[in-house]
Amino acid sequence: MYKVHFEDRFLLISAEPDRLQKYGLFYKFGATKELYKLISDFQADDSIYSINIFGTNIRHIWRIFRIYFIEVGAAGGLVRHSSGRYLFIERKGRLDLPKGHIESDEDPETCALREVQEECGITGHKITRFLDSTYHTYTCRGISYLKNTRWYLMDYSGTMDIKPQLEEGITKAEWLTKEEVSRLKAGAWHSLMDLINISILKD
């Protein structure tokens, strides 16, 4: 399955209709033009919360879906302190994790480490493992973009003093307990909800 977020709405591509949750629209993939019209209509009409696109060859559907957009790569980190707390930031009034665009001369892992350092002011954090990829779309100057963000779990045992990168719109950076994350997760960007659930709140 592939889940793509459109701000606080989402589109799910699956092999079979997803009957586990309610959707505003179900669409069985048929033709490329129909799919592209569906995407365009979904972008323009925010009264539909979610769409389930399904078809037996989801890799083919996913490939066709991606062609509609200009793809950009990003990477970020979920930093776990030795105290058991997790590093979160606040951006545009929403709970978020440090992340950013991958530069032309770096790999995703290097980007993720760099973005955590730049946006939160810590050093010495190390990647433990890859967590997941999330996808979300945005439009800039009439062009539709699909951002693929690769997320990494990082361990850190240094000082808990952090400095949010204000020039990047980060208004707060803080270490949260698992219980605090559970209580505050409703205020996170929706594209992070699944990542939070599987990485922090799974137990």
N, C-alpha and C. Protein backbone atom coordinates (compact mmCIF):
# COMPACT_ATOMS: atom_id res chain seq x y z
N MET A 1 0.84 -1.20 0.00
CA MET A 1 0.00 0.00 0.00
C MET A 1 0.87 1.25 0.00
N TYR A 2 0.35 2.30 -0.57
CA TYR A 2 1.02 3.59 -0.59
C TYR A 2 0.04 4.64 -0.08
N LYS A 3 0.48 5.41 0.91
CA LYS A 3 -0.35 6.45 1.49
C LYS A 3 0.27 7.80 1.22
N VAL A 4 -0.50 8.70 0.62
CA VAL A 4 0.00 10.02 0.27
C VAL A 4 -0.88 11.07 0.93
N HIS A 5 -0.24 12.00 1.63
CA HIS A 5 -0.97 13.03 2.35
C HIS A 5 -1.06 14.31 1.52
N PHE A 6 -2.25 14.89 1.54
CA PHE A 6 -2.53 16.19 0.94
C PHE A 6 -2.93 17.12 2.10
N GLU A 7 -1.92 17.73 2.75
CA GLU A 7 -2.15 18.45 4.01
C GLU A 7 -2.78 17.49 5.03
N ASP A 8 -4.01 17.75 5.47
CA ASP A 8 -4.63 16.88 6.47
C ASP A 8 -5.56 15.85 5.85
N ARG A 9 -5.49 15.68 4.55
CA ARG A 9 -6.27 14.65 3.86
C ARG A 9 -5.30 13.64 3.27
N PHE A 10 -5.83 12.50 2.82
CA PHE A 10 -4.91 11.51 2.28
C PHE A 10 -5.55 10.66 1.20
N LEU A 11 -4.68 10.01 0.44
CA LEU A 11 -5.07 9.11 -0.63
C LEU A 11 -4.32 7.81 -0.42
N LEU A 12 -5.02 6.69 -0.50
CA LEU A 12 -4.40 5.38 -0.29
C LEU A 12 -4.51 4.56 -1.56
N ILE A 13 -3.38 3.99 -1.99
CA ILE A 13 -3.35 3.09 -3.13
C ILE A 13 -3.16 1.68 -2.60
N SER A 14 -4.09 0.79 -2.94
CA SER A 14 -4.04 -0.57 -2.42
C SER A 14 -4.47 -1.57 -3.50
N ALA A 15 -4.15 -2.84 -3.27
CA ALA A 15 -4.50 -3.88 -4.24
C ALA A 15 -5.99 -4.19 -4.22
N GLU A 16 -6.58 -4.14 -3.05
CA GLU A 16 -8.01 -4.39 -2.87
C GLU A 16 -8.63 -3.20 -2.14
N PRO A 17 -9.95 -3.00 -2.27
CA PRO A 17 -10.59 -1.90 -1.51
C PRO A 17 -10.31 -2.05 -0.02
N ASP A 18 -9.93 -0.96 0.61
CA ASP A 18 -9.65 -0.96 2.04
C ASP A 18 -10.95 -0.76 2.81
N ARG A 19 -11.45 -1.82 3.41
CA ARG A 19 -12.72 -1.75 4.14
C ARG A 19 -12.54 -1.49 5.62
N LEU A 20 -11.29 -1.24 6.05
CA LEU A 20 -11.03 -1.06 7.48
C LEU A 20 -11.37 0.35 7.96
N GLN A 21 -11.46 1.30 7.04
CA GLN A 21 -11.83 2.65 7.43
C GLN A 21 -12.69 3.28 6.34
N LYS A 22 -13.36 4.35 6.70
CA LYS A 22 -14.26 5.00 5.76
C LYS A 22 -13.48 5.93 4.83
N TYR A 23 -13.90 5.96 3.57
CA TYR A 23 -13.31 6.83 2.57
C TYR A 23 -14.41 7.67 1.93
N GLY A 24 -14.02 8.87 1.49
CA GLY A 24 -14.98 9.70 0.80
C GLY A 24 -15.26 9.19 -0.60
N LEU A 25 -14.30 8.43 -1.13
CA LEU A 25 -14.45 7.93 -2.49
C LEU A 25 -13.59 6.69 -2.69
N PHE A 26 -14.14 5.69 -3.35
CA PHE A 26 -13.39 4.52 -3.80
C PHE A 26 -13.26 4.61 -5.32
N TYR A 27 -12.08 4.31 -5.83
CA TYR A 27 -11.87 4.38 -7.28
C TYR A 27 -11.05 3.18 -7.73
N LYS A 28 -11.61 2.38 -8.63
CA LYS A 28 -10.87 1.26 -9.21
C LYS A 28 -10.10 1.77 -10.42
N PHE A 29 -8.79 1.61 -10.39
CA PHE A 29 -7.96 2.16 -11.44
C PHE A 29 -8.33 1.59 -12.81
N GLY A 30 -8.50 2.52 -13.77
CA GLY A 30 -8.85 2.09 -15.10
C GLY A 30 -7.94 2.70 -16.15
N ALA A 31 -7.90 4.02 -16.23
CA ALA A 31 -7.11 4.70 -17.24
C ALA A 31 -6.32 5.84 -16.61
N THR A 32 -5.18 6.15 -17.21
CA THR A 32 -4.30 7.19 -16.68
C THR A 32 -4.99 8.55 -16.64
N LYS A 33 -5.70 8.93 -17.69
CA LYS A 33 -6.37 10.22 -17.74
C LYS A 33 -7.40 10.35 -16.62
N GLU A 34 -8.13 9.27 -16.36
CA GLU A 34 -9.11 9.28 -15.28
C GLU A 34 -8.42 9.49 -13.93
N LEU A 35 -7.30 8.81 -13.74
CA LEU A 35 -6.56 8.94 -12.48
C LEU A 35 -6.07 10.37 -12.30
N TYR A 36 -5.52 10.96 -13.34
CA TYR A 36 -5.00 12.32 -13.23
C TYR A 36 -6.12 13.33 -12.97
N LYS A 37 -7.28 13.12 -13.56
CA LYS A 37 -8.42 13.99 -13.28
C LYS A 37 -8.86 13.85 -11.82
N LEU A 38 -8.83 12.62 -11.32
CA LEU A 38 -9.18 12.37 -9.93
C LEU A 38 -8.23 13.11 -8.99
N ILE A 39 -6.94 13.05 -9.27
CA ILE A 39 -5.95 13.74 -8.45
C ILE A 39 -6.20 15.25 -8.48
N SER A 40 -6.40 15.78 -9.69
CA SER A 40 -6.63 17.21 -9.84
C SER A 40 -7.88 17.66 -9.09
N ASP A 41 -8.95 16.89 -9.20
CA ASP A 41 -10.19 17.22 -8.50
C ASP A 41 -10.00 17.15 -6.98
N PHE A 42 -9.24 16.17 -6.52
CA PHE A 42 -8.99 16.01 -5.10
C PHE A 42 -8.18 17.19 -4.56
N GLN A 43 -7.22 17.66 -5.34
CA GLN A 43 -6.44 18.82 -4.93
C GLN A 43 -7.30 20.07 -4.80
N ALA A 44 -8.27 20.18 -5.70
CA ALA A 44 -9.09 21.40 -5.74
C ALA A 44 -10.25 21.40 -4.77
N ASP A 45 -10.73 20.21 -4.39
CA ASP A 45 -11.93 20.08 -3.56
C ASP A 45 -11.57 19.44 -2.23
N ASP A 46 -11.45 20.27 -1.19
CA ASP A 46 -11.06 19.73 0.12
C ASP A 46 -12.25 19.22 0.94
N SER A 47 -13.43 19.10 0.30
CA SER A 47 -14.59 18.55 1.01
C SER A 47 -14.50 17.03 1.11
N ILE A 48 -13.66 16.41 0.27
CA ILE A 48 -13.44 14.96 0.33
C ILE A 48 -12.20 14.72 1.18
N TYR A 49 -12.38 13.98 2.29
CA TYR A 49 -11.27 13.79 3.23
C TYR A 49 -10.27 12.76 2.73
N SER A 50 -10.75 11.69 2.08
CA SER A 50 -9.85 10.62 1.69
C SER A 50 -10.37 9.87 0.48
N ILE A 51 -9.43 9.27 -0.26
CA ILE A 51 -9.75 8.47 -1.44
C ILE A 51 -8.97 7.16 -1.37
N ASN A 52 -9.60 6.07 -1.71
CA ASN A 52 -8.93 4.78 -1.84
C ASN A 52 -8.92 4.39 -3.32
N ILE A 53 -7.73 4.42 -3.91
CA ILE A 53 -7.54 3.96 -5.28
C ILE A 53 -7.03 2.52 -5.21
N PHE A 54 -7.68 1.62 -5.93
CA PHE A 54 -7.27 0.23 -5.83
C PHE A 54 -7.18 -0.42 -7.21
N GLY A 55 -6.37 -1.46 -7.26
CA GLY A 55 -6.17 -2.22 -8.49
C GLY A 55 -5.15 -3.30 -8.23
N THR A 56 -5.19 -4.39 -8.98
CA THR A 56 -4.34 -5.54 -8.68
C THR A 56 -2.84 -5.23 -8.81
N ASN A 57 -2.47 -4.38 -9.75
CA ASN A 57 -1.05 -4.05 -9.96
C ASN A 57 -0.75 -2.68 -9.34
N ILE A 58 -0.56 -2.68 -8.03
CA ILE A 58 -0.39 -1.39 -7.36
C ILE A 58 0.95 -0.73 -7.71
N ARG A 59 1.96 -1.52 -8.08
CA ARG A 59 3.24 -0.90 -8.48
C ARG A 59 3.05 -0.10 -9.76
N HIS A 60 2.24 -0.61 -10.66
CA HIS A 60 1.95 0.12 -11.89
C HIS A 60 1.16 1.39 -11.58
N ILE A 61 0.16 1.28 -10.72
CA ILE A 61 -0.64 2.44 -10.35
C ILE A 61 0.25 3.48 -9.68
N TRP A 62 1.14 3.05 -8.79
CA TRP A 62 2.02 3.95 -8.08
C TRP A 62 2.97 4.67 -9.04
N ARG A 63 3.48 3.94 -10.03
CA ARG A 63 4.36 4.55 -11.02
C ARG A 63 3.62 5.63 -11.81
N ILE A 64 2.40 5.31 -12.26
CA ILE A 64 1.59 6.27 -13.01
C ILE A 64 1.24 7.47 -12.13
N PHE A 65 0.90 7.21 -10.88
CA PHE A 65 0.56 8.28 -9.94
C PHE A 65 1.72 9.26 -9.79
N ARG A 66 2.93 8.74 -9.63
CA ARG A 66 4.10 9.58 -9.38
C ARG A 66 4.45 10.47 -10.57
N ILE A 67 4.14 10.00 -11.78
CA ILE A 67 4.46 10.79 -12.97
C ILE A 67 3.70 12.12 -12.98
N TYR A 68 2.56 12.15 -12.32
CA TYR A 68 1.75 13.37 -12.26
C TYR A 68 2.50 14.51 -11.55
N PHE A 69 3.43 14.16 -10.67
CA PHE A 69 4.10 15.14 -9.80
C PHE A 69 5.57 15.32 -10.17
N ILE A 70 6.14 16.41 -9.68
CA ILE A 70 7.59 16.57 -9.63
C ILE A 70 8.03 16.01 -8.27
N GLU A 71 8.92 15.04 -8.29
CA GLU A 71 9.32 14.39 -7.04
C GLU A 71 10.51 15.10 -6.40
N VAL A 72 10.46 15.22 -5.09
CA VAL A 72 11.57 15.77 -4.32
C VAL A 72 11.87 14.83 -3.16
N GLY A 73 13.13 14.74 -2.81
CA GLY A 73 13.55 13.87 -1.72
C GLY A 73 13.88 14.64 -0.46
N ALA A 74 13.55 14.07 0.67
CA ALA A 74 13.84 14.68 1.96
C ALA A 74 14.18 13.58 2.95
N ALA A 75 14.74 13.97 4.07
CA ALA A 75 15.07 13.00 5.12
C ALA A 75 15.01 13.69 6.47
N GLY A 76 14.72 12.91 7.50
CA GLY A 76 14.62 13.47 8.84
C GLY A 76 14.86 12.41 9.90
N GLY A 77 14.83 12.86 11.15
CA GLY A 77 15.16 11.94 12.23
C GLY A 77 14.21 12.00 13.41
N LEU A 78 13.96 10.83 13.97
CA LEU A 78 13.30 10.71 15.26
C LEU A 78 14.40 10.40 16.25
N VAL A 79 14.74 11.39 17.08
CA VAL A 79 15.88 11.26 17.99
C VAL A 79 15.40 10.79 19.36
N ARG A 80 15.99 9.69 19.81
CA ARG A 80 15.66 9.10 21.12
C ARG A 80 16.84 9.34 22.07
N HIS A 81 16.56 10.09 23.15
CA HIS A 81 17.61 10.36 24.13
C HIS A 81 17.76 9.17 25.07
N SER A 82 18.94 9.04 25.66
CA SER A 82 19.19 7.94 26.59
C SER A 82 18.28 8.00 27.80
N SER A 83 17.66 9.16 28.05
CA SER A 83 16.70 9.30 29.15
C SER A 83 15.35 8.69 28.82
N GLY A 84 15.14 8.36 27.53
CA GLY A 84 13.86 7.81 27.10
C GLY A 84 12.95 8.84 26.46
N ARG A 85 13.39 10.10 26.41
CA ARG A 85 12.59 11.14 25.78
C ARG A 85 12.89 11.23 24.28
N TYR A 86 11.95 11.84 23.55
CA TYR A 86 12.08 11.98 22.09
C TYR A 86 12.08 13.46 21.72
N LEU A 87 12.88 13.79 20.71
CA LEU A 87 13.04 15.17 20.29
C LEU A 87 11.99 15.55 19.25
N PHE A 88 11.17 16.57 19.56
CA PHE A 88 10.16 17.07 18.64
C PHE A 88 10.34 18.58 18.48
N ILE A 89 9.84 19.09 17.36
CA ILE A 89 9.85 20.51 17.13
C ILE A 89 8.42 20.98 16.88
N GLU A 90 8.22 22.28 16.89
CA GLU A 90 6.95 22.87 16.51
C GLU A 90 7.20 23.78 15.31
N ARG A 91 6.48 23.48 14.23
CA ARG A 91 6.62 24.26 13.01
C ARG A 91 5.22 24.62 12.50
N LYS A 92 5.00 25.92 12.26
CA LYS A 92 3.69 26.40 11.81
C LYS A 92 2.57 25.97 12.77
N GLY A 93 2.89 25.95 14.05
CA GLY A 93 1.90 25.61 15.06
C GLY A 93 1.59 24.14 15.19
N ARG A 94 2.35 23.28 14.51
CA ARG A 94 2.07 21.85 14.54
C ARG A 94 3.29 21.08 15.06
N LEU A 95 3.02 19.98 15.77
CA LEU A 95 4.08 19.10 16.23
C LEU A 95 4.74 18.46 15.01
N ASP A 96 6.06 18.45 14.99
CA ASP A 96 6.78 17.98 13.81
C ASP A 96 8.11 17.37 14.25
N LEU A 97 8.82 16.80 13.28
CA LEU A 97 10.16 16.26 13.49
C LEU A 97 11.13 16.98 12.57
N PRO A 98 12.39 17.10 12.98
CA PRO A 98 13.37 17.78 12.12
C PRO A 98 13.58 17.01 10.82
N LYS A 99 13.56 17.73 9.71
CA LYS A 99 13.71 17.12 8.39
C LYS A 99 14.05 18.21 7.39
N GLY A 100 14.45 17.82 6.18
CA GLY A 100 14.71 18.80 5.14
C GLY A 100 15.06 18.14 3.83
N HIS A 101 15.21 18.95 2.80
CA HIS A 101 15.50 18.44 1.46
C HIS A 101 16.91 17.84 1.38
N ILE A 102 17.02 16.79 0.61
CA ILE A 102 18.31 16.15 0.37
C ILE A 102 19.09 16.97 -0.65
N GLU A 103 20.30 17.36 -0.30
CA GLU A 103 21.14 18.12 -1.22
C GLU A 103 21.70 17.20 -2.30
N SER A 104 22.15 17.78 -3.40
CA SER A 104 22.60 16.98 -4.54
C SER A 104 23.83 16.14 -4.23
N ASP A 105 24.61 16.54 -3.23
CA ASP A 105 25.86 15.84 -2.94
C ASP A 105 25.78 14.96 -1.69
N GLU A 106 24.58 14.63 -1.22
CA GLU A 106 24.48 13.84 0.00
C GLU A 106 23.47 12.71 -0.13
N ASP A 107 23.66 11.69 0.70
CA ASP A 107 22.71 10.59 0.74
C ASP A 107 21.66 10.89 1.81
N PRO A 108 20.55 10.13 1.85
CA PRO A 108 19.49 10.42 2.82
C PRO A 108 19.95 10.39 4.28
N GLU A 109 20.85 9.46 4.61
CA GLU A 109 21.31 9.37 6.00
C GLU A 109 22.07 10.62 6.41
N THR A 110 22.95 11.10 5.54
CA THR A 110 23.71 12.31 5.82
C THR A 110 22.78 13.51 5.96
N CYS A 111 21.78 13.57 5.08
CA CYS A 111 20.81 14.66 5.14
C CYS A 111 20.06 14.65 6.46
N ALA A 112 19.60 13.47 6.89
CA ALA A 112 18.83 13.36 8.12
C ALA A 112 19.65 13.84 9.32
N LEU A 113 20.90 13.41 9.40
CA LEU A 113 21.78 13.83 10.50
C LEU A 113 22.01 15.34 10.47
N ARG A 114 22.25 15.87 9.27
CA ARG A 114 22.49 17.30 9.13
C ARG A 114 21.28 18.13 9.53
N GLU A 115 20.09 17.71 9.10
CA GLU A 115 18.89 18.48 9.40
C GLU A 115 18.60 18.51 10.90
N VAL A 116 18.83 17.40 11.58
CA VAL A 116 18.62 17.37 13.03
C VAL A 116 19.58 18.35 13.70
N GLN A 117 20.84 18.34 13.26
CA GLN A 117 21.81 19.25 13.85
C GLN A 117 21.44 20.70 13.59
N GLU A 118 21.07 21.03 12.35
CA GLU A 118 20.76 22.40 11.99
C GLU A 118 19.48 22.91 12.66
N GLU A 119 18.46 22.07 12.70
CA GLU A 119 17.17 22.53 13.20
C GLU A 119 17.04 22.48 14.71
N CYS A 120 17.89 21.67 15.37
CA CYS A 120 17.77 21.53 16.83
C CYS A 120 19.06 21.85 17.59
N GLY A 121 20.18 21.98 16.88
CA GLY A 121 21.41 22.40 17.53
C GLY A 121 22.13 21.35 18.35
N ILE A 122 21.91 20.06 18.06
CA ILE A 122 22.62 19.01 18.79
C ILE A 122 23.66 18.35 17.87
N THR A 123 24.68 17.72 18.47
CA THR A 123 25.68 16.96 17.74
C THR A 123 25.92 15.64 18.48
N GLY A 124 26.44 14.68 17.76
CA GLY A 124 26.74 13.39 18.38
C GLY A 124 25.62 12.37 18.25
N HIS A 125 24.53 12.72 17.59
CA HIS A 125 23.44 11.78 17.38
C HIS A 125 23.83 10.80 16.28
N LYS A 126 23.38 9.56 16.41
CA LYS A 126 23.75 8.52 15.46
C LYS A 126 22.51 7.74 15.01
N ILE A 127 22.51 7.37 13.75
CA ILE A 127 21.39 6.60 13.20
C ILE A 127 21.43 5.17 13.71
N THR A 128 20.29 4.71 14.21
CA THR A 128 20.15 3.33 14.67
C THR A 128 19.59 2.45 13.56
N ARG A 129 18.53 2.94 12.91
CA ARG A 129 17.93 2.17 11.81
C ARG A 129 16.98 3.06 11.00
N PHE A 130 16.66 2.57 9.81
CA PHE A 130 15.66 3.23 8.98
C PHE A 130 14.28 2.89 9.52
N LEU A 131 13.40 3.88 9.57
CA LEU A 131 12.06 3.66 10.10
C LEU A 131 11.03 3.45 8.99
N ASP A 132 10.85 4.45 8.14
CA ASP A 132 9.81 4.37 7.12
C ASP A 132 9.95 5.57 6.18
N SER A 133 9.20 5.53 5.08
CA SER A 133 9.09 6.67 4.20
C SER A 133 7.67 7.21 4.27
N THR A 134 7.53 8.52 4.27
CA THR A 134 6.20 9.13 4.19
C THR A 134 6.14 9.99 2.93
N TYR A 135 4.92 10.16 2.42
CA TYR A 135 4.73 10.92 1.19
C TYR A 135 3.68 12.00 1.44
N HIS A 136 3.97 13.19 0.98
CA HIS A 136 2.95 14.24 1.00
C HIS A 136 3.14 15.16 -0.20
N THR A 137 2.06 15.81 -0.59
CA THR A 137 2.09 16.67 -1.76
C THR A 137 1.92 18.13 -1.35
N TYR A 138 2.41 19.00 -2.21
CA TYR A 138 2.17 20.43 -2.05
C TYR A 138 2.27 21.08 -3.43
N THR A 139 1.70 22.24 -3.54
CA THR A 139 1.70 22.97 -4.81
C THR A 139 2.42 24.30 -4.63
N CYS A 140 3.31 24.62 -5.54
CA CYS A 140 4.06 25.88 -5.50
C CYS A 140 4.09 26.46 -6.91
N ARG A 141 3.55 27.67 -7.06
CA ARG A 141 3.51 28.35 -8.34
C ARG A 141 2.85 27.49 -9.42
N GLY A 142 1.79 26.82 -9.02
CA GLY A 142 1.02 26.03 -9.95
C GLY A 142 1.59 24.66 -10.28
N ILE A 143 2.72 24.30 -9.68
CA ILE A 143 3.35 23.01 -9.93
C ILE A 143 3.10 22.08 -8.74
N SER A 144 2.69 20.85 -9.03
CA SER A 144 2.41 19.87 -7.98
C SER A 144 3.66 19.05 -7.67
N TYR A 145 3.99 18.99 -6.40
CA TYR A 145 5.18 18.24 -5.95
C TYR A 145 4.77 17.07 -5.07
N LEU A 146 5.54 16.00 -5.15
CA LEU A 146 5.39 14.85 -4.28
C LEU A 146 6.69 14.69 -3.50
N LYS A 147 6.61 14.90 -2.19
CA LYS A 147 7.82 14.79 -1.36
C LYS A 147 7.87 13.43 -0.68
N ASN A 148 8.98 12.74 -0.88
CA ASN A 148 9.25 11.47 -0.22
C ASN A 148 10.25 11.73 0.89
N THR A 149 9.80 11.61 2.14
CA THR A 149 10.68 11.83 3.29
C THR A 149 11.06 10.49 3.90
N ARG A 150 12.35 10.24 3.98
CA ARG A 150 12.87 9.02 4.59
C ARG A 150 13.22 9.33 6.05
N TRP A 151 12.68 8.52 6.95
CA TRP A 151 12.85 8.76 8.39
C TRP A 151 13.78 7.74 9.02
N TYR A 152 14.61 8.23 9.94
CA TYR A 152 15.58 7.37 10.63
C TYR A 152 15.45 7.55 12.14
N LEU A 153 15.54 6.42 12.85
CA LEU A 153 15.62 6.48 14.30
C LEU A 153 17.06 6.77 14.68
N MET A 154 17.26 7.73 15.59
CA MET A 154 18.60 8.12 16.03
C MET A 154 18.70 8.04 17.54
N ASP A 155 19.86 7.65 18.01
CA ASP A 155 20.13 7.63 19.44
C ASP A 155 21.06 8.78 19.79
N TYR A 156 20.84 9.34 20.99
CA TYR A 156 21.63 10.50 21.43
C TYR A 156 21.71 10.48 22.94
N SER A 157 22.90 10.73 23.47
CA SER A 157 23.07 10.70 24.93
C SER A 157 23.73 11.97 25.47
N GLY A 158 23.80 13.00 24.64
CA GLY A 158 24.44 14.24 25.05
C GLY A 158 23.52 15.16 25.83
N THR A 159 23.94 16.42 25.94
CA THR A 159 23.16 17.41 26.66
C THR A 159 21.80 17.59 26.02
N MET A 160 20.81 17.90 26.84
CA MET A 160 19.45 18.08 26.32
C MET A 160 19.15 19.54 25.98
N ASP A 161 20.20 20.38 26.00
CA ASP A 161 20.04 21.77 25.57
C ASP A 161 19.86 21.79 24.05
N ILE A 162 18.81 22.43 23.58
CA ILE A 162 18.52 22.47 22.15
C ILE A 162 18.20 23.90 21.72
N LYS A 163 18.51 24.19 20.46
CA LYS A 163 18.31 25.53 19.92
C LYS A 163 17.50 25.42 18.62
N PRO A 164 16.21 25.74 18.67
CA PRO A 164 15.40 25.66 17.46
C PRO A 164 15.87 26.65 16.40
N GLN A 165 15.87 26.22 15.14
CA GLN A 165 16.30 27.06 14.03
C GLN A 165 15.16 27.99 13.63
N LEU A 166 15.14 29.16 14.22
CA LEU A 166 14.02 30.08 14.05
C LEU A 166 13.82 30.51 12.61
N GLU A 167 14.91 30.65 11.86
CA GLU A 167 14.80 31.11 10.48
C GLU A 167 14.11 30.08 9.58
N GLU A 168 13.98 28.86 10.05
CA GLU A 168 13.26 27.81 9.31
C GLU A 168 11.81 27.67 9.80
N GLY A 169 11.35 28.64 10.57
CA GLY A 169 9.98 28.61 11.04
C GLY A 169 9.74 27.69 12.22
N ILE A 170 10.82 27.26 12.87
CA ILE A 170 10.69 26.37 14.03
C ILE A 170 10.58 27.24 15.28
N THR A 171 9.45 27.18 15.94
CA THR A 171 9.20 28.05 17.09
C THR A 171 9.54 27.38 18.42
N LYS A 172 9.70 26.05 18.40
CA LYS A 172 9.97 25.35 19.64
C LYS A 172 10.65 24.02 19.33
N ALA A 173 11.54 23.59 20.23
CA ALA A 173 12.14 22.26 20.18
C ALA A 173 12.16 21.74 21.61
N GLU A 174 11.71 20.52 21.81
CA GLU A 174 11.60 20.00 23.18
C GLU A 174 11.71 18.48 23.20
N TRP A 175 12.11 17.97 24.36
CA TRP A 175 12.20 16.53 24.59
C TRP A 175 10.91 16.07 25.27
N LEU A 176 10.22 15.14 24.66
CA LEU A 176 8.93 14.68 25.18
C LEU A 176 9.01 13.22 25.63
N THR A 177 8.31 12.93 26.71
CA THR A 177 8.18 11.54 27.14
C THR A 177 7.19 10.82 26.22
N LYS A 178 7.17 9.51 26.31
CA LYS A 178 6.24 8.72 25.52
C LYS A 178 4.79 9.11 25.84
N GLU A 179 4.52 9.38 27.10
CA GLU A 179 3.17 9.76 27.51
C GLU A 179 2.80 11.13 26.94
N GLU A 180 3.75 12.05 26.91
CA GLU A 180 3.48 13.37 26.36
C GLU A 180 3.24 13.30 24.86
N VAL A 181 4.00 12.45 24.18
CA VAL A 181 3.80 12.26 22.74
C VAL A 181 2.40 11.73 22.47
N SER A 182 1.96 10.76 23.28
CA SER A 182 0.63 10.18 23.12
C SER A 182 -0.45 11.24 23.29
N ARG A 183 -0.25 12.14 24.23
CA ARG A 183 -1.24 13.17 24.52
C ARG A 183 -1.25 14.27 23.46
N LEU A 184 -0.09 14.56 22.89
CA LEU A 184 0.04 15.69 21.99
C LEU A 184 -0.02 15.32 20.51
N LYS A 185 -0.04 14.03 20.20
CA LYS A 185 0.10 13.60 18.80
C LYS A 185 -1.04 14.10 17.90
N ALA A 186 -2.19 14.40 18.47
CA ALA A 186 -3.29 14.91 17.66
C ALA A 186 -2.94 16.24 17.02
N GLY A 187 -1.96 16.94 17.58
CA GLY A 187 -1.54 18.21 17.03
C GLY A 187 -0.40 18.11 16.04
N ALA A 188 -0.02 16.87 15.68
CA ALA A 188 1.07 16.67 14.73
C ALA A 188 0.55 16.73 13.30
N TRP A 189 1.46 16.97 12.36
CA TRP A 189 1.09 16.85 10.96
C TRP A 189 0.61 15.43 10.70
N HIS A 190 -0.45 15.29 9.95
CA HIS A 190 -1.05 13.97 9.76
C HIS A 190 -0.10 12.97 9.10
N SER A 191 0.82 13.46 8.30
CA SER A 191 1.78 12.55 7.66
C SER A 191 2.70 11.88 8.67
N LEU A 192 2.75 12.41 9.91
CA LEU A 192 3.60 11.83 10.95
C LEU A 192 2.86 10.87 11.88
N MET A 193 1.55 10.85 11.80
CA MET A 193 0.77 10.08 12.75
C MET A 193 1.12 8.59 12.73
N ASP A 194 1.19 8.01 11.53
CA ASP A 194 1.53 6.59 11.43
C ASP A 194 2.94 6.32 11.94
N LEU A 195 3.88 7.22 11.61
CA LEU A 195 5.26 7.06 12.06
C LEU A 195 5.34 7.10 13.58
N ILE A 196 4.64 8.01 14.20
CA ILE A 196 4.61 8.10 15.66
C ILE A 196 4.03 6.83 16.27
N ASN A 197 2.95 6.35 15.69
CA ASN A 197 2.29 5.16 16.24
C ASN A 197 3.17 3.92 16.18
N ILE A 198 3.87 3.71 15.05
CA ILE A 198 4.66 2.50 14.91
C ILE A 198 6.03 2.61 15.56
N SER A 199 6.51 3.83 15.78
CA SER A 199 7.87 4.00 16.29
C SER A 199 7.93 4.28 17.79
N ILE A 200 6.91 4.93 18.33
CA ILE A 200 6.93 5.32 19.75
C ILE A 200 5.82 4.66 20.54
N LEU A 201 4.62 4.61 19.98
CA LEU A 201 3.45 4.18 20.73
C LEU A 201 3.00 2.76 20.41
N LYS A 202 3.84 1.97 19.80
CA LYS A 202 3.45 0.63 19.36
C LYS A 202 3.23 -0.33 20.51
N ASP A 203 3.88 -0.08 21.66
CA ASP A 203 3.73 -0.99 22.81
C ASP A 203 2.52 -0.66 23.65
